[in-house]
C-alpha atoms as a PDB file:
ATOM      1  CA  UNK A   1     -20.101  25.146 -28.459  1.00  0.00           C
ATOM      2  CA  UNK A   2     -17.339  22.440 -29.462  1.00  0.00           C
ATOM      3  CA  UNK A   3     -14.943  23.816 -26.974  1.00  0.00           C
ATOM      4  CA  UNK A   4     -17.828  23.337 -24.367  1.00  0.00           C
ATOM      5  CA  UNK A   5     -18.180  19.640 -25.285  1.00  0.00           C
ATOM      6  CA  UNK A   6     -14.531  19.028 -24.985  1.00  0.00           C
ATOM      7  CA  UNK A   7     -14.515  20.764 -21.427  1.00  0.00           C
ATOM      8  CA  UNK A   8     -17.296  18.571 -20.316  1.00  0.00           C
ATOM      9  CA  UNK A   9     -15.911  15.295 -21.654  1.00  0.00           C
ATOM     10  CA  UNK A  10     -12.512  16.171 -20.245  1.00  0.00           C
ATOM     11  CA  UNK A  11     -14.418  16.690 -16.816  1.00  0.00           C
ATOM     12  CA  UNK A  12     -16.441  13.611 -17.479  1.00  0.00           C
ATOM     13  CA  UNK A  13     -13.309  11.425 -17.694  1.00  0.00           C
ATOM     14  CA  UNK A  14     -11.311  12.996 -14.904  1.00  0.00           C
ATOM     15  CA  UNK A  15     -14.548  12.436 -12.934  1.00  0.00           C
ATOM     16  CA  UNK A  16     -14.469   8.700 -13.828  1.00  0.00           C
ATOM     17  CA  UNK A  17     -10.796   8.407 -13.533  1.00  0.00           C
ATOM     18  CA  UNK A  18     -10.828   9.677 -10.029  1.00  0.00           C
ATOM     19  CA  UNK A  19     -13.842   7.672  -9.087  1.00  0.00           C
ATOM     20  CA  UNK A  20     -12.341   4.502 -10.230  1.00  0.00           C
ATOM     21  CA  UNK A  21      -9.136   5.284  -8.637  1.00  0.00           C
ATOM     22  CA  UNK A  22     -10.594   5.750  -5.140  1.00  0.00           C
ATOM     23  CA  UNK A  23     -12.747   2.867  -5.398  1.00  0.00           C
ATOM     24  CA  UNK A  24      -9.902   0.663  -5.870  1.00  0.00           C
ATOM     25  CA  UNK A  25      -7.621   1.866  -3.344  1.00  0.00           C
ATOM     26  CA  UNK A  26      -9.347  -0.157  -0.679  1.00  0.00           C
ATOM     27  CA  UNK A  27      -9.145  -3.457  -2.961  1.00  0.00           C
ATOM     28  CA  UNK A  28      -5.434  -2.795  -3.558  1.00  0.00           C
ATOM     29  CA  UNK A  29      -4.971  -2.530   0.364  1.00  0.00           C
ATOM     30  CA  UNK A  30      -6.903  -5.635   1.312  1.00  0.00           C
ATOM     31  CA  UNK A  31      -5.572  -9.078   1.431  1.00  0.00           C
ATOM     32  CA  UNK A  32      -7.240 -12.167   1.815  1.00  0.00           C
ATOM     33  CA  UNK A  33      -5.761 -14.780   4.230  1.00  0.00           C
ATOM     34  CA  UNK A  34      -8.383 -17.413   3.387  1.00  0.00           C
ATOM     35  CA  UNK A  35      -6.012 -19.739   2.413  1.00  0.00           C
ATOM     36  CA  UNK A  36      -4.408 -19.766   6.166  1.00  0.00           C
ATOM     37  CA  UNK A  37      -6.185 -20.798   9.444  1.00  0.00           C
ATOM     38  CA  UNK A  38      -6.098 -17.403  11.108  1.00  0.00           C
ATOM     39  CA  UNK A  39      -7.076 -18.986  14.323  1.00  0.00           C
ATOM     40  CA  UNK A  40      -4.208 -21.191  14.619  1.00  0.00           C
ATOM     41  CA  UNK A  41      -0.608 -20.063  15.492  1.00  0.00           C
ATOM     42  CA  UNK A  42       2.194 -22.429  15.001  1.00  0.00           C
ATOM     43  CA  UNK A  43       6.177 -22.179  15.648  1.00  0.00           C
ATOM     44  CA  UNK A  44       9.094 -22.677  14.044  1.00  0.00           C
ATOM     45  CA  UNK A  45      12.498 -22.050  14.099  1.00  0.00           C
ATOM     46  CA  UNK A  46      15.546 -23.126  11.399  1.00  0.00           C
ATOM     47  CA  UNK A  47      17.734 -21.526   8.716  1.00  0.00           C
ATOM     48  CA  UNK A  48      16.930 -18.722   6.676  1.00  0.00           C
ATOM     49  CA  UNK A  49      17.054 -20.221   2.998  1.00  0.00           C
ATOM     50  CA  UNK A  50      16.095 -17.355   1.045  1.00  0.00           C
ATOM     51  CA  UNK A  51      14.146 -13.713   1.969  1.00  0.00           C
ATOM     52  CA  UNK A  52      11.937 -12.177  -1.003  1.00  0.00           C
ATOM     53  CA  UNK A  53      11.523  -8.287  -0.390  1.00  0.00           C
ATOM     54  CA  UNK A  54       8.828  -7.419  -2.532  1.00  0.00           C
ATOM     55  CA  UNK A  55       5.425  -5.924  -3.350  1.00  0.00           C
ATOM     56  CA  UNK A  56       2.618  -6.638  -2.675  1.00  0.00           C
ATOM     57  CA  UNK A  57       4.097  -9.197  -0.047  1.00  0.00           C
ATOM     58  CA  UNK A  58       7.661 -10.222   1.028  1.00  0.00           C
ATOM     59  CA  UNK A  59       7.753 -14.133   1.555  1.00  0.00           C
ATOM     60  CA  UNK A  60      10.481 -16.242   3.212  1.00  0.00           C
ATOM     61  CA  UNK A  61      11.642 -19.865   2.856  1.00  0.00           C
ATOM     62  CA  UNK A  62      12.890 -21.732   6.154  1.00  0.00           C
ATOM     63  CA  UNK A  63      14.794 -25.057   6.391  1.00  0.00           C
ATOM     64  CA  UNK A  64      13.518 -26.738   9.421  1.00  0.00           C
ATOM     65  CA  UNK A  65      13.917 -30.166  11.115  1.00  0.00           C
ATOM     66  CA  UNK A  66      10.875 -32.515  11.255  1.00  0.00           C
ATOM     67  CA  UNK A  67      11.594 -35.881  13.151  1.00  0.00           C
ATOM     68  CA  UNK A  68      15.354 -35.370  12.287  1.00  0.00           C
ATOM     69  CA  UNK A  69      14.628 -34.852   8.582  1.00  0.00           C
ATOM     70  CA  UNK A  70      15.254 -31.299   6.959  1.00  0.00           C
ATOM     71  CA  UNK A  71      12.485 -29.929   5.199  1.00  0.00           C
ATOM     72  CA  UNK A  72      11.504 -26.488   4.090  1.00  0.00           C
ATOM     73  CA  UNK A  73       8.370 -24.269   4.187  1.00  0.00           C
ATOM     74  CA  UNK A  74       7.519 -21.144   2.566  1.00  0.00           C
ATOM     75  CA  UNK A  75       5.720 -18.053   4.463  1.00  0.00           C
ATOM     76  CA  UNK A  76       4.271 -15.293   3.249  1.00  0.00           C
ATOM     77  CA  UNK A  77       4.606 -12.062   4.909  1.00  0.00           C
ATOM     78  CA  UNK A  78       3.566  -8.081   5.027  1.00  0.00           C
ATOM     79  CA  UNK A  79       4.799  -5.545   2.605  1.00  0.00           C
ATOM     80  CA  UNK A  80       8.451  -3.951   2.488  1.00  0.00           C
ATOM     81  CA  UNK A  81       6.413  -0.878   4.047  1.00  0.00           C
ATOM     82  CA  UNK A  82       5.550  -2.918   7.044  1.00  0.00           C
ATOM     83  CA  UNK A  83       8.800  -4.175   7.700  1.00  0.00           C
ATOM     84  CA  UNK A  84      10.350  -0.880   6.999  1.00  0.00           C
ATOM     85  CA  UNK A  85       8.187   0.792   9.516  1.00  0.00           C
ATOM     86  CA  UNK A  86       9.390  -1.567  11.950  1.00  0.00           C
ATOM     87  CA  UNK A  87      13.106  -0.582  11.258  1.00  0.00           C
ATOM     88  CA  UNK A  88      14.006  -3.777   9.033  1.00  0.00           C
ATOM     89  CA  UNK A  89      15.787  -3.389   5.660  1.00  0.00           C
ATOM     90  CA  UNK A  90      16.823  -6.093   3.034  1.00  0.00           C
ATOM     91  CA  UNK A  91      20.130  -6.104   4.852  1.00  0.00           C
ATOM     92  CA  UNK A  92      18.843  -7.597   7.768  1.00  0.00           C
ATOM     93  CA  UNK A  93      17.652 -10.681   6.221  1.00  0.00           C
ATOM     94  CA  UNK A  94      21.023 -13.027   5.487  1.00  0.00           C
ATOM     95  CA  UNK A  95      20.672 -16.665   3.969  1.00  0.00           C
ATOM     96  CA  UNK A  96      21.633 -18.922   6.750  1.00  0.00           C
ATOM     97  CA  UNK A  97      20.857 -16.915   9.445  1.00  0.00           C
ATOM     98  CA  UNK A  98      18.992 -18.930  12.392  1.00  0.00           C
ATOM     99  CA  UNK A  99      15.552 -17.539  12.683  1.00  0.00           C
ATOM    100  CA  UNK A 100      12.342 -18.170  14.927  1.00  0.00           C
ATOM    101  CA  UNK A 101       8.783 -17.381  13.335  1.00  0.00           C
ATOM    102  CA  UNK A 102       5.158 -17.833  14.472  1.00  0.00           C
ATOM    103  CA  UNK A 103       2.831 -18.324  11.413  1.00  0.00           C
ATOM    104  CA  UNK A 104      -0.733 -18.957  10.571  1.00  0.00           C
ATOM    105  CA  UNK A 105      -0.438 -22.490   8.853  1.00  0.00           C
ATOM    106  CA  UNK A 106      -1.698 -23.025   5.337  1.00  0.00           C
ATOM    107  CA  UNK A 107      -5.222 -24.768   5.356  1.00  0.00           C
ATOM    108  CA  UNK A 108      -4.510 -27.009   2.580  1.00  0.00           C
ATOM    109  CA  UNK A 109      -1.990 -28.600   5.409  1.00  0.00           C
ATOM    110  CA  UNK A 110       1.117 -28.115   3.245  1.00  0.00           C
ATOM    111  CA  UNK A 111       3.995 -26.820   5.486  1.00  0.00           C
ATOM    112  CA  UNK A 112       4.124 -23.056   5.579  1.00  0.00           C
ATOM    113  CA  UNK A 113       1.363 -20.025   6.062  1.00  0.00           C
ATOM    114  CA  UNK A 114       0.866 -16.299   6.840  1.00  0.00           C
ATOM    115  CA  UNK A 115       3.828 -14.988   8.788  1.00  0.00           C
ATOM    116  CA  UNK A 116       2.717 -13.751  12.550  1.00  0.00           C
ATOM    117  CA  UNK A 117       6.144 -12.845  13.894  1.00  0.00           C
ATOM    118  CA  UNK A 118       9.723 -13.310  13.177  1.00  0.00           C
ATOM    119  CA  UNK A 119      12.869 -12.854  15.162  1.00  0.00           C
ATOM    120  CA  UNK A 120      16.232 -12.363  13.803  1.00  0.00           C
ATOM    121  CA  UNK A 121      19.748 -13.376  15.274  1.00  0.00           C
ATOM    122  CA  UNK A 122      20.445 -10.007  15.469  1.00  0.00           C
ATOM    123  CA  UNK A 123      18.021  -9.298  17.838  1.00  0.00           C
ATOM    124  CA  UNK A 124      15.399  -7.183  15.506  1.00  0.00           C
ATOM    125  CA  UNK A 125      11.824  -8.420  15.666  1.00  0.00           C
ATOM    126  CA  UNK A 126       8.897  -8.258  13.135  1.00  0.00           C
ATOM    127  CA  UNK A 127       5.061  -8.677  13.624  1.00  0.00           C
ATOM    128  CA  UNK A 128       2.643  -8.776  10.797  1.00  0.00           C
ATOM    129  CA  UNK A 129       0.427  -6.265  11.938  1.00  0.00           C
ATOM    130  CA  UNK A 130      -1.937  -6.930   8.553  1.00  0.00           C
ATOM    131  CA  UNK A 131      -2.114 -10.691   9.730  1.00  0.00           C
ATOM    132  CA  UNK A 132      -2.779  -9.627  12.963  1.00  0.00           C
ATOM    133  CA  UNK A 133      -5.977  -7.729  11.939  1.00  0.00           C
ATOM    134  CA  UNK A 134      -6.934 -10.651  10.183  1.00  0.00           C
ATOM    135  CA  UNK A 135      -6.458 -13.386  12.760  1.00  0.00           C
ATOM    136  CA  UNK A 136      -8.811 -14.941  15.024  1.00  0.00           C
ATOM    137  CA  UNK A 137      -6.567 -14.524  18.179  1.00  0.00           C
END
Protein backbone atom coordinates (compact mmCIF):
# COMPACT_ATOMS: atom_id res chain seq x y z
CA UNK A 1 0.00 0.00 0.00
CA UNK A 2 2.83 2.38 0.79
CA UNK A 3 4.37 1.72 -2.62
CA UNK A 4 1.04 2.48 -4.32
CA UNK A 5 0.74 5.81 -2.51
CA UNK A 6 4.29 6.70 -3.57
CA UNK A 7 3.49 5.99 -7.23
CA UNK A 8 0.27 7.99 -7.02
CA UNK A 9 2.12 10.92 -5.43
CA UNK A 10 4.91 10.74 -8.03
CA UNK A 11 2.32 10.75 -10.81
CA UNK A 12 0.52 13.69 -9.25
CA UNK A 13 3.74 15.70 -8.94
CA UNK A 14 4.79 14.86 -12.52
CA UNK A 15 1.35 15.84 -13.85
CA UNK A 16 1.39 19.10 -11.93
CA UNK A 17 4.89 19.91 -13.18
CA UNK A 18 3.83 19.20 -16.76
CA UNK A 19 0.75 21.38 -16.38
CA UNK A 20 2.77 24.26 -14.97
CA UNK A 21 5.38 23.88 -17.71
CA UNK A 22 2.82 23.90 -20.50
CA UNK A 23 0.99 26.83 -18.98
CA UNK A 24 4.18 28.84 -18.62
CA UNK A 25 5.37 28.34 -22.21
CA UNK A 26 3.02 30.93 -23.77
CA UNK A 27 3.87 33.43 -21.04
CA UNK A 28 7.60 33.07 -21.66
CA UNK A 29 7.15 33.46 -25.42
CA UNK A 30 4.98 36.56 -25.07
CA UNK A 31 6.52 40.02 -25.00
CA UNK A 32 4.60 43.13 -24.09
CA UNK A 33 5.11 46.11 -26.37
CA UNK A 34 3.09 48.43 -24.11
CA UNK A 35 6.10 50.73 -23.62
CA UNK A 36 6.27 51.47 -27.38
CA UNK A 37 3.98 53.22 -29.85
CA UNK A 38 3.48 50.28 -32.18
CA UNK A 39 1.31 52.41 -34.51
CA UNK A 40 4.24 54.67 -35.34
CA UNK A 41 7.52 53.82 -37.05
CA UNK A 42 10.47 56.22 -37.07
CA UNK A 43 13.80 55.89 -38.82
CA UNK A 44 17.32 56.81 -37.82
CA UNK A 45 20.84 56.26 -38.97
CA UNK A 46 24.05 56.60 -37.11
CA UNK A 47 26.95 54.78 -35.52
CA UNK A 48 26.59 51.52 -33.64
CA UNK A 49 27.98 52.13 -30.16
CA UNK A 50 26.99 48.80 -28.64
CA UNK A 51 25.12 45.63 -29.53
CA UNK A 52 24.03 43.21 -26.81
CA UNK A 53 23.35 39.73 -28.17
CA UNK A 54 21.35 38.17 -25.36
CA UNK A 55 18.19 36.52 -24.21
CA UNK A 56 15.40 37.18 -23.89
CA UNK A 57 16.02 40.24 -26.08
CA UNK A 58 19.01 41.72 -27.79
CA UNK A 59 19.48 45.48 -27.83
CA UNK A 60 21.63 48.17 -29.36
CA UNK A 61 22.81 51.67 -28.63
CA UNK A 62 22.87 54.03 -31.62
CA UNK A 63 24.74 57.35 -31.74
CA UNK A 64 22.92 59.75 -34.05
CA UNK A 65 22.83 63.46 -34.86
CA UNK A 66 19.93 65.59 -33.65
CA UNK A 67 20.10 69.19 -34.93
CA UNK A 68 23.86 68.84 -35.23
CA UNK A 69 24.32 67.48 -31.70
CA UNK A 70 25.46 63.91 -31.08
CA UNK A 71 22.93 61.93 -29.05
CA UNK A 72 22.31 58.28 -28.33
CA UNK A 73 19.30 56.02 -28.10
CA UNK A 74 18.72 52.49 -26.87
CA UNK A 75 16.65 50.16 -29.00
CA UNK A 76 15.39 46.79 -27.84
CA UNK A 77 15.14 44.04 -30.41
CA UNK A 78 14.23 40.42 -30.86
CA UNK A 79 15.87 37.37 -29.42
CA UNK A 80 19.17 35.99 -30.69
CA UNK A 81 17.13 33.19 -32.27
CA UNK A 82 15.29 35.71 -34.49
CA UNK A 83 18.64 37.15 -35.63
CA UNK A 84 20.08 33.68 -36.28
CA UNK A 85 17.05 32.64 -38.32
CA UNK A 86 17.72 35.64 -40.57
CA UNK A 87 21.38 34.72 -41.06
CA UNK A 88 22.94 37.10 -38.53
CA UNK A 89 25.47 36.33 -35.81
CA UNK A 90 27.19 38.43 -33.11
CA UNK A 91 30.17 38.90 -35.46
CA UNK A 92 27.98 40.92 -37.83
CA UNK A 93 27.66 43.76 -35.31
CA UNK A 94 30.80 45.88 -35.09
CA UNK A 95 31.22 48.94 -32.91
CA UNK A 96 31.57 51.97 -35.16
CA UNK A 97 29.52 50.56 -38.04
CA UNK A 98 27.14 52.96 -39.77
CA UNK A 99 23.67 51.45 -39.52
CA UNK A 100 20.10 52.33 -40.44
CA UNK A 101 17.12 51.39 -38.30
CA UNK A 102 13.39 51.79 -38.18
CA UNK A 103 11.77 51.50 -34.77
CA UNK A 104 8.61 51.98 -32.77
CA UNK A 105 9.28 54.89 -30.41
CA UNK A 106 9.07 54.80 -26.63
CA UNK A 107 5.70 56.04 -25.37
CA UNK A 108 7.61 58.00 -22.71
CA UNK A 109 9.02 60.32 -25.38
CA UNK A 110 12.60 59.29 -24.59
CA UNK A 111 14.80 58.53 -27.63
CA UNK A 112 14.73 54.90 -28.74
CA UNK A 113 12.17 52.16 -28.75
CA UNK A 114 11.50 48.71 -30.21
CA UNK A 115 13.38 47.72 -33.36
CA UNK A 116 11.40 47.16 -36.55
CA UNK A 117 14.21 46.83 -39.13
CA UNK A 118 17.98 47.12 -39.24
CA UNK A 119 20.42 47.49 -42.14
CA UNK A 120 24.12 46.82 -41.66
CA UNK A 121 26.91 48.18 -43.88
CA UNK A 122 27.74 44.64 -45.07
CA UNK A 123 24.30 44.50 -46.73
CA UNK A 124 22.71 42.21 -44.17
CA UNK A 125 19.31 43.21 -42.86
CA UNK A 126 17.02 42.23 -40.02
CA UNK A 127 13.28 42.54 -39.58
CA UNK A 128 11.83 42.01 -36.11
CA UNK A 129 8.93 39.70 -36.88
CA UNK A 130 7.80 39.66 -33.24
CA UNK A 131 7.39 43.45 -33.26
CA UNK A 132 5.68 43.29 -36.66
CA UNK A 133 3.04 40.89 -35.30
CA UNK A 134 2.41 43.25 -32.36
CA UNK A 135 2.44 46.41 -34.47
CA UNK A 136 -0.51 48.33 -35.72
CA UNK A 137 1.03 48.87 -39.19
